[in-house]
Every structure is written in structure tokens, then in C-alpha cells.
Amino acid sequence: FLVLLVACSDTKDAAAATVEKYLSALVSQNSDLISNLSCKGWEQEALLELDSFQAVDASLEGLNCERTGDDGDVALVVCEGKIIASYNNEKQELDLNVRTYEVIKASGDMRVCGYR
């Protein structure tokens, strides 16, 4: 039983950690990492989202992601915190808790495949 519990918690941590890495790559405008953390069907959408941050300085504040459940083979991850985007000395805060990220295991790694 303990082995099963540890294995489940590792999966939870891996899905949440993947979303945290994805969001960090997004604000640091790291297109290679965004591609590596995205599933094939989401990669183009992720790169479009990355493009929206090209003209701003962005940072993460209070980032904490947790797996909240599953939908079949999809892990559902919700994050707390904000993306702070600054353009011409104007700051905009984007709350992260308005999206539930979908994460799947593909080619042995956890990958972000969109959000709800």
C-alpha cells in the first residue's frame, strides 16, 4: 500500500511541477522549453501564448500548482499566484487560478496539453 501511495504522490508532484515549469518558461519567454513541456497537439497554441508575452516584462508571483484530480488519462492541475506583466510602466496582473491545466504523460514525460 505504501508503495502505491508514494507512486501516486510522485505522479501528482510531476504534473504540478510540469505546469510550474511551463509557466516559468512562459514568463521567461523560453520557446524551446515551452515546446519540450507541451504535448504535440498543444505546442502551436503554447507558442502563440508565448508570443503574447514578447512585448512585456513578465514575472511570476506566489506560484503554487497542485493536482486536483483526473479526467481519464489527463491530470488536472490548478495553480495559485499571478503573472505580473509590465508594459510602459503599467502593470497587469493575471490570476493563475482561472485555468485548470490538462497534463498527460507522453513519451515518458509529463506534458501540458491545454487548459479549461
N, C-alpha and C. Protein backbone atom coordinates (compact mmCIF):
# COMPACT_ATOMS: atom_id res chain seq x y z
N PHE A 1 0.82 -1.19 0.00
CA PHE A 1 0.00 0.00 0.00
C PHE A 1 0.87 1.26 0.00
N LEU A 2 1.91 1.28 0.80
CA LEU A 2 2.78 2.45 0.89
C LEU A 2 3.46 2.74 -0.44
N VAL A 3 3.88 1.69 -1.15
CA VAL A 3 4.50 1.87 -2.45
C VAL A 3 3.51 2.51 -3.42
N LEU A 4 2.26 2.07 -3.41
CA LEU A 4 1.23 2.64 -4.27
C LEU A 4 0.98 4.10 -3.92
N LEU A 5 0.93 4.41 -2.64
CA LEU A 5 0.72 5.79 -2.20
C LEU A 5 1.87 6.69 -2.66
N VAL A 6 3.09 6.25 -2.52
CA VAL A 6 4.25 7.02 -2.97
C VAL A 6 4.22 7.20 -4.48
N ALA A 7 3.87 6.17 -5.21
CA ALA A 7 3.81 6.26 -6.67
C ALA A 7 2.75 7.27 -7.10
N CYS A 8 1.61 7.28 -6.43
CA CYS A 8 0.56 8.25 -6.77
C CYS A 8 1.00 9.67 -6.45
N SER A 9 1.68 9.86 -5.33
CA SER A 9 2.09 11.21 -4.98
C SER A 9 3.18 11.71 -5.93
N ASP A 10 4.03 10.80 -6.42
CA ASP A 10 5.04 11.19 -7.41
C ASP A 10 4.37 11.69 -8.68
N THR A 11 3.31 11.02 -9.13
CA THR A 11 2.59 11.45 -10.32
C THR A 11 1.97 12.82 -10.09
N LYS A 12 1.37 13.02 -8.93
CA LYS A 12 0.78 14.32 -8.60
C LYS A 12 1.85 15.40 -8.66
N ASP A 13 2.94 15.15 -8.02
CA ASP A 13 4.01 16.14 -7.99
C ASP A 13 4.56 16.40 -9.39
N ALA A 14 4.66 15.38 -10.21
CA ALA A 14 5.20 15.55 -11.56
C ALA A 14 4.29 16.41 -12.42
N ALA A 15 2.98 16.21 -12.33
CA ALA A 15 2.04 17.02 -13.12
C ALA A 15 2.07 18.47 -12.68
N ALA A 16 2.03 18.71 -11.38
CA ALA A 16 2.06 20.08 -10.86
C ALA A 16 3.40 20.74 -11.18
N ALA A 17 4.49 20.01 -11.03
CA ALA A 17 5.82 20.56 -11.32
C ALA A 17 5.95 20.91 -12.80
N THR A 18 5.35 20.11 -13.67
CA THR A 18 5.39 20.39 -15.10
C THR A 18 4.69 21.70 -15.42
N VAL A 19 3.54 21.93 -14.81
CA VAL A 19 2.81 23.18 -15.05
C VAL A 19 3.61 24.36 -14.51
N GLU A 20 4.25 24.20 -13.36
CA GLU A 20 5.08 25.28 -12.81
C GLU A 20 6.24 25.59 -13.75
N LYS A 21 6.88 24.56 -14.29
CA LYS A 21 7.97 24.78 -15.26
C LYS A 21 7.45 25.46 -16.52
N TYR A 22 6.28 25.03 -16.97
CA TYR A 22 5.65 25.60 -18.16
C TYR A 22 5.39 27.10 -17.97
N LEU A 23 4.81 27.46 -16.83
CA LEU A 23 4.51 28.87 -16.57
C LEU A 23 5.79 29.69 -16.42
N SER A 24 6.81 29.11 -15.80
CA SER A 24 8.11 29.79 -15.69
C SER A 24 8.73 30.01 -17.06
N ALA A 25 8.64 29.01 -17.93
CA ALA A 25 9.15 29.14 -19.29
C ALA A 25 8.37 30.19 -20.07
N LEU A 26 7.08 30.27 -19.80
CA LEU A 26 6.23 31.25 -20.47
C LEU A 26 6.67 32.68 -20.14
N VAL A 27 6.84 32.98 -18.87
CA VAL A 27 7.21 34.35 -18.49
C VAL A 27 8.66 34.67 -18.83
N SER A 28 9.53 33.65 -18.89
CA SER A 28 10.92 33.90 -19.27
C SER A 28 11.11 33.83 -20.78
N GLN A 29 10.02 33.58 -21.50
CA GLN A 29 10.00 33.55 -22.96
C GLN A 29 10.98 32.53 -23.54
N ASN A 30 10.94 31.33 -22.97
CA ASN A 30 11.82 30.25 -23.38
C ASN A 30 11.04 29.30 -24.30
N SER A 31 11.11 29.56 -25.59
CA SER A 31 10.30 28.80 -26.55
C SER A 31 10.73 27.33 -26.63
N ASP A 32 12.02 27.04 -26.48
CA ASP A 32 12.47 25.65 -26.52
C ASP A 32 11.88 24.85 -25.36
N LEU A 33 11.90 25.44 -24.18
CA LEU A 33 11.35 24.74 -23.02
C LEU A 33 9.83 24.61 -23.13
N ILE A 34 9.16 25.64 -23.62
CA ILE A 34 7.70 25.56 -23.83
C ILE A 34 7.39 24.40 -24.76
N SER A 35 8.13 24.27 -25.84
CA SER A 35 7.91 23.16 -26.78
C SER A 35 8.13 21.82 -26.11
N ASN A 36 9.19 21.71 -25.31
CA ASN A 36 9.50 20.45 -24.64
C ASN A 36 8.48 20.07 -23.58
N LEU A 37 7.83 21.06 -22.98
CA LEU A 37 6.86 20.80 -21.92
C LEU A 37 5.43 20.66 -22.44
N SER A 38 5.23 20.86 -23.73
CA SER A 38 3.90 20.79 -24.33
C SER A 38 3.71 19.48 -25.09
N CYS A 39 2.50 18.95 -25.06
CA CYS A 39 2.22 17.78 -25.90
C CYS A 39 2.11 18.26 -27.35
N LYS A 40 2.26 17.35 -28.26
CA LYS A 40 2.31 17.71 -29.67
C LYS A 40 1.09 18.51 -30.13
N GLY A 41 -0.09 18.14 -29.67
CA GLY A 41 -1.31 18.82 -30.09
C GLY A 41 -1.49 20.22 -29.50
N TRP A 42 -0.72 20.56 -28.48
CA TRP A 42 -0.84 21.86 -27.81
C TRP A 42 0.33 22.78 -28.14
N GLU A 43 1.38 22.27 -28.72
CA GLU A 43 2.61 23.04 -28.91
C GLU A 43 2.40 24.35 -29.66
N GLN A 44 1.67 24.35 -30.75
CA GLN A 44 1.45 25.58 -31.52
C GLN A 44 0.69 26.61 -30.72
N GLU A 45 -0.32 26.16 -29.97
CA GLU A 45 -1.11 27.07 -29.12
C GLU A 45 -0.23 27.64 -28.01
N ALA A 46 0.63 26.81 -27.45
CA ALA A 46 1.54 27.27 -26.39
C ALA A 46 2.51 28.33 -26.92
N LEU A 47 3.01 28.13 -28.14
CA LEU A 47 3.92 29.11 -28.73
C LEU A 47 3.20 30.41 -29.06
N LEU A 48 1.92 30.34 -29.43
CA LEU A 48 1.13 31.55 -29.64
C LEU A 48 0.94 32.31 -28.33
N GLU A 49 0.69 31.56 -27.27
CA GLU A 49 0.56 32.17 -25.95
C GLU A 49 1.88 32.83 -25.54
N LEU A 50 2.97 32.17 -25.82
CA LEU A 50 4.30 32.72 -25.54
C LEU A 50 4.51 34.03 -26.30
N ASP A 51 4.07 34.09 -27.55
CA ASP A 51 4.21 35.31 -28.36
C ASP A 51 3.53 36.50 -27.71
N SER A 52 2.45 36.26 -26.98
CA SER A 52 1.73 37.37 -26.35
C SER A 52 2.54 38.04 -25.25
N PHE A 53 3.61 37.39 -24.79
CA PHE A 53 4.46 37.96 -23.75
C PHE A 53 5.73 38.60 -24.31
N GLN A 54 5.90 38.62 -25.62
CA GLN A 54 7.13 39.13 -26.22
C GLN A 54 7.37 40.62 -25.95
N ALA A 55 6.33 41.42 -25.87
CA ALA A 55 6.49 42.87 -25.73
C ALA A 55 6.41 43.34 -24.28
N VAL A 56 6.34 42.41 -23.33
CA VAL A 56 6.21 42.80 -21.92
C VAL A 56 7.30 42.16 -21.07
N ASP A 57 7.54 42.77 -19.93
CA ASP A 57 8.36 42.14 -18.91
C ASP A 57 7.40 41.39 -18.00
N ALA A 58 7.65 40.10 -17.82
CA ALA A 58 6.71 39.30 -17.03
C ALA A 58 7.45 38.56 -15.93
N SER A 59 6.73 38.33 -14.84
CA SER A 59 7.27 37.56 -13.73
C SER A 59 6.12 36.81 -13.05
N LEU A 60 6.50 35.83 -12.27
CA LEU A 60 5.52 35.05 -11.51
C LEU A 60 5.56 35.48 -10.05
N GLU A 61 4.39 35.53 -9.45
CA GLU A 61 4.29 35.89 -8.03
C GLU A 61 3.43 34.86 -7.34
N GLY A 62 3.98 34.23 -6.30
CA GLY A 62 3.21 33.29 -5.49
C GLY A 62 2.80 32.01 -6.19
N LEU A 63 3.59 31.54 -7.13
CA LEU A 63 3.22 30.34 -7.91
C LEU A 63 3.22 29.10 -7.03
N ASN A 64 2.11 28.38 -7.06
CA ASN A 64 1.97 27.10 -6.40
C ASN A 64 0.90 26.31 -7.13
N CYS A 65 1.30 25.19 -7.74
CA CYS A 65 0.36 24.37 -8.51
C CYS A 65 0.12 23.05 -7.78
N GLU A 66 -1.11 22.55 -7.89
CA GLU A 66 -1.48 21.28 -7.29
C GLU A 66 -2.39 20.51 -8.22
N ARG A 67 -2.20 19.21 -8.22
CA ARG A 67 -3.08 18.33 -8.98
C ARG A 67 -4.39 18.21 -8.22
N THR A 68 -5.50 18.50 -8.91
CA THR A 68 -6.80 18.48 -8.24
C THR A 68 -7.63 17.26 -8.60
N GLY A 69 -7.20 16.49 -9.58
CA GLY A 69 -7.94 15.31 -9.98
C GLY A 69 -7.50 14.82 -11.33
N ASP A 70 -8.31 13.92 -11.88
CA ASP A 70 -8.02 13.32 -13.18
C ASP A 70 -9.29 13.26 -14.00
N ASP A 71 -9.11 13.29 -15.31
CA ASP A 71 -10.20 13.09 -16.26
C ASP A 71 -9.68 12.05 -17.24
N GLY A 72 -9.89 10.79 -16.91
CA GLY A 72 -9.31 9.71 -17.70
C GLY A 72 -7.79 9.72 -17.53
N ASP A 73 -7.06 9.81 -18.64
CA ASP A 73 -5.60 9.84 -18.59
C ASP A 73 -5.04 11.24 -18.38
N VAL A 74 -5.91 12.21 -18.22
CA VAL A 74 -5.49 13.61 -18.09
C VAL A 74 -5.46 14.01 -16.62
N ALA A 75 -4.30 14.52 -16.18
CA ALA A 75 -4.18 15.07 -14.83
C ALA A 75 -4.65 16.52 -14.88
N LEU A 76 -5.45 16.92 -13.91
CA LEU A 76 -5.96 18.29 -13.84
C LEU A 76 -5.18 19.04 -12.77
N VAL A 77 -4.62 20.19 -13.16
CA VAL A 77 -3.75 20.95 -12.26
C VAL A 77 -4.25 22.39 -12.17
N VAL A 78 -4.40 22.87 -10.96
CA VAL A 78 -4.80 24.26 -10.71
C VAL A 78 -3.66 24.95 -9.98
N CYS A 79 -3.43 26.21 -10.34
CA CYS A 79 -2.33 26.97 -9.74
C CYS A 79 -2.87 28.20 -9.01
N GLU A 80 -2.16 28.58 -7.99
CA GLU A 80 -2.39 29.84 -7.29
C GLU A 80 -1.25 30.76 -7.69
N GLY A 81 -1.48 32.04 -7.57
CA GLY A 81 -0.46 33.02 -7.89
C GLY A 81 -0.86 33.87 -9.06
N LYS A 82 0.09 34.67 -9.53
CA LYS A 82 -0.20 35.62 -10.60
C LYS A 82 0.98 35.73 -11.55
N ILE A 83 0.66 36.08 -12.78
CA ILE A 83 1.68 36.56 -13.71
C ILE A 83 1.57 38.08 -13.67
N ILE A 84 2.68 38.74 -13.41
CA ILE A 84 2.72 40.19 -13.42
C ILE A 84 3.37 40.60 -14.74
N ALA A 85 2.61 41.27 -15.58
CA ALA A 85 3.11 41.72 -16.89
C ALA A 85 3.22 43.24 -16.86
N SER A 86 4.38 43.74 -17.25
CA SER A 86 4.62 45.17 -17.23
C SER A 86 4.96 45.66 -18.63
N TYR A 87 4.26 46.71 -19.05
CA TYR A 87 4.49 47.32 -20.36
C TYR A 87 4.37 48.83 -20.19
N ASN A 88 5.41 49.57 -20.58
CA ASN A 88 5.43 51.03 -20.42
C ASN A 88 5.07 51.46 -19.00
N ASN A 89 5.67 50.81 -18.03
CA ASN A 89 5.48 51.10 -16.61
C ASN A 89 4.06 50.85 -16.11
N GLU A 90 3.23 50.19 -16.89
CA GLU A 90 1.90 49.79 -16.44
C GLU A 90 1.92 48.29 -16.16
N LYS A 91 1.45 47.92 -14.98
CA LYS A 91 1.43 46.52 -14.58
C LYS A 91 0.03 45.94 -14.70
N GLN A 92 -0.01 44.74 -15.21
CA GLN A 92 -1.26 44.00 -15.29
C GLN A 92 -1.04 42.67 -14.57
N GLU A 93 -2.00 42.30 -13.74
CA GLU A 93 -1.93 41.05 -13.01
C GLU A 93 -2.88 40.04 -13.63
N LEU A 94 -2.35 38.86 -13.93
CA LEU A 94 -3.16 37.78 -14.50
C LEU A 94 -3.24 36.67 -13.46
N ASP A 95 -4.42 36.46 -12.90
CA ASP A 95 -4.61 35.42 -11.90
C ASP A 95 -4.48 34.05 -12.55
N LEU A 96 -3.71 33.18 -11.93
CA LEU A 96 -3.49 31.85 -12.48
C LEU A 96 -4.60 30.87 -12.13
N ASN A 97 -5.40 31.18 -11.12
CA ASN A 97 -6.40 30.22 -10.67
C ASN A 97 -7.65 30.18 -11.54
N VAL A 98 -7.68 30.92 -12.63
CA VAL A 98 -8.85 30.89 -13.52
C VAL A 98 -8.77 29.76 -14.55
N ARG A 99 -7.65 29.05 -14.58
CA ARG A 99 -7.48 27.95 -15.54
C ARG A 99 -7.18 26.65 -14.81
N THR A 100 -7.68 25.57 -15.38
CA THR A 100 -7.30 24.24 -14.94
C THR A 100 -6.48 23.64 -16.08
N TYR A 101 -5.22 23.37 -15.81
CA TYR A 101 -4.31 22.84 -16.84
C TYR A 101 -4.50 21.34 -16.99
N GLU A 102 -4.43 20.90 -18.23
CA GLU A 102 -4.53 19.48 -18.56
C GLU A 102 -3.12 18.97 -18.85
N VAL A 103 -2.73 17.91 -18.14
CA VAL A 103 -1.38 17.37 -18.26
C VAL A 103 -1.50 15.88 -18.53
N ILE A 104 -0.73 15.39 -19.51
CA ILE A 104 -0.71 13.95 -19.80
C ILE A 104 0.73 13.45 -19.78
N LYS A 105 0.86 12.15 -19.65
CA LYS A 105 2.18 11.53 -19.74
C LYS A 105 2.37 11.08 -21.18
N ALA A 106 3.39 11.62 -21.84
CA ALA A 106 3.67 11.28 -23.24
C ALA A 106 5.17 11.06 -23.38
N SER A 107 5.54 9.99 -24.02
CA SER A 107 6.96 9.64 -24.23
C SER A 107 7.72 9.62 -22.91
N GLY A 108 7.04 9.18 -21.86
CA GLY A 108 7.67 9.04 -20.55
C GLY A 108 7.73 10.31 -19.70
N ASP A 109 7.30 11.44 -20.24
CA ASP A 109 7.35 12.70 -19.51
C ASP A 109 5.96 13.32 -19.41
N MET A 110 5.77 14.11 -18.38
CA MET A 110 4.51 14.85 -18.23
C MET A 110 4.56 16.05 -19.17
N ARG A 111 3.44 16.31 -19.84
CA ARG A 111 3.36 17.42 -20.82
C ARG A 111 2.04 18.16 -20.66
N VAL A 112 2.11 19.49 -20.76
CA VAL A 112 0.92 20.32 -20.71
C VAL A 112 0.21 20.21 -22.07
N CYS A 113 -1.10 19.97 -22.02
CA CYS A 113 -1.87 19.79 -23.26
C CYS A 113 -3.04 20.76 -23.37
N GLY A 114 -2.97 21.85 -22.63
CA GLY A 114 -4.01 22.85 -22.71
C GLY A 114 -4.56 23.16 -21.34
N TYR A 115 -5.69 23.85 -21.37
CA TYR A 115 -6.36 24.22 -20.13
C TYR A 115 -7.85 24.39 -20.38
N ARG A 116 -8.59 24.41 -19.29
CA ARG A 116 -10.05 24.56 -19.32
C ARG A 116 -10.43 25.88 -18.71
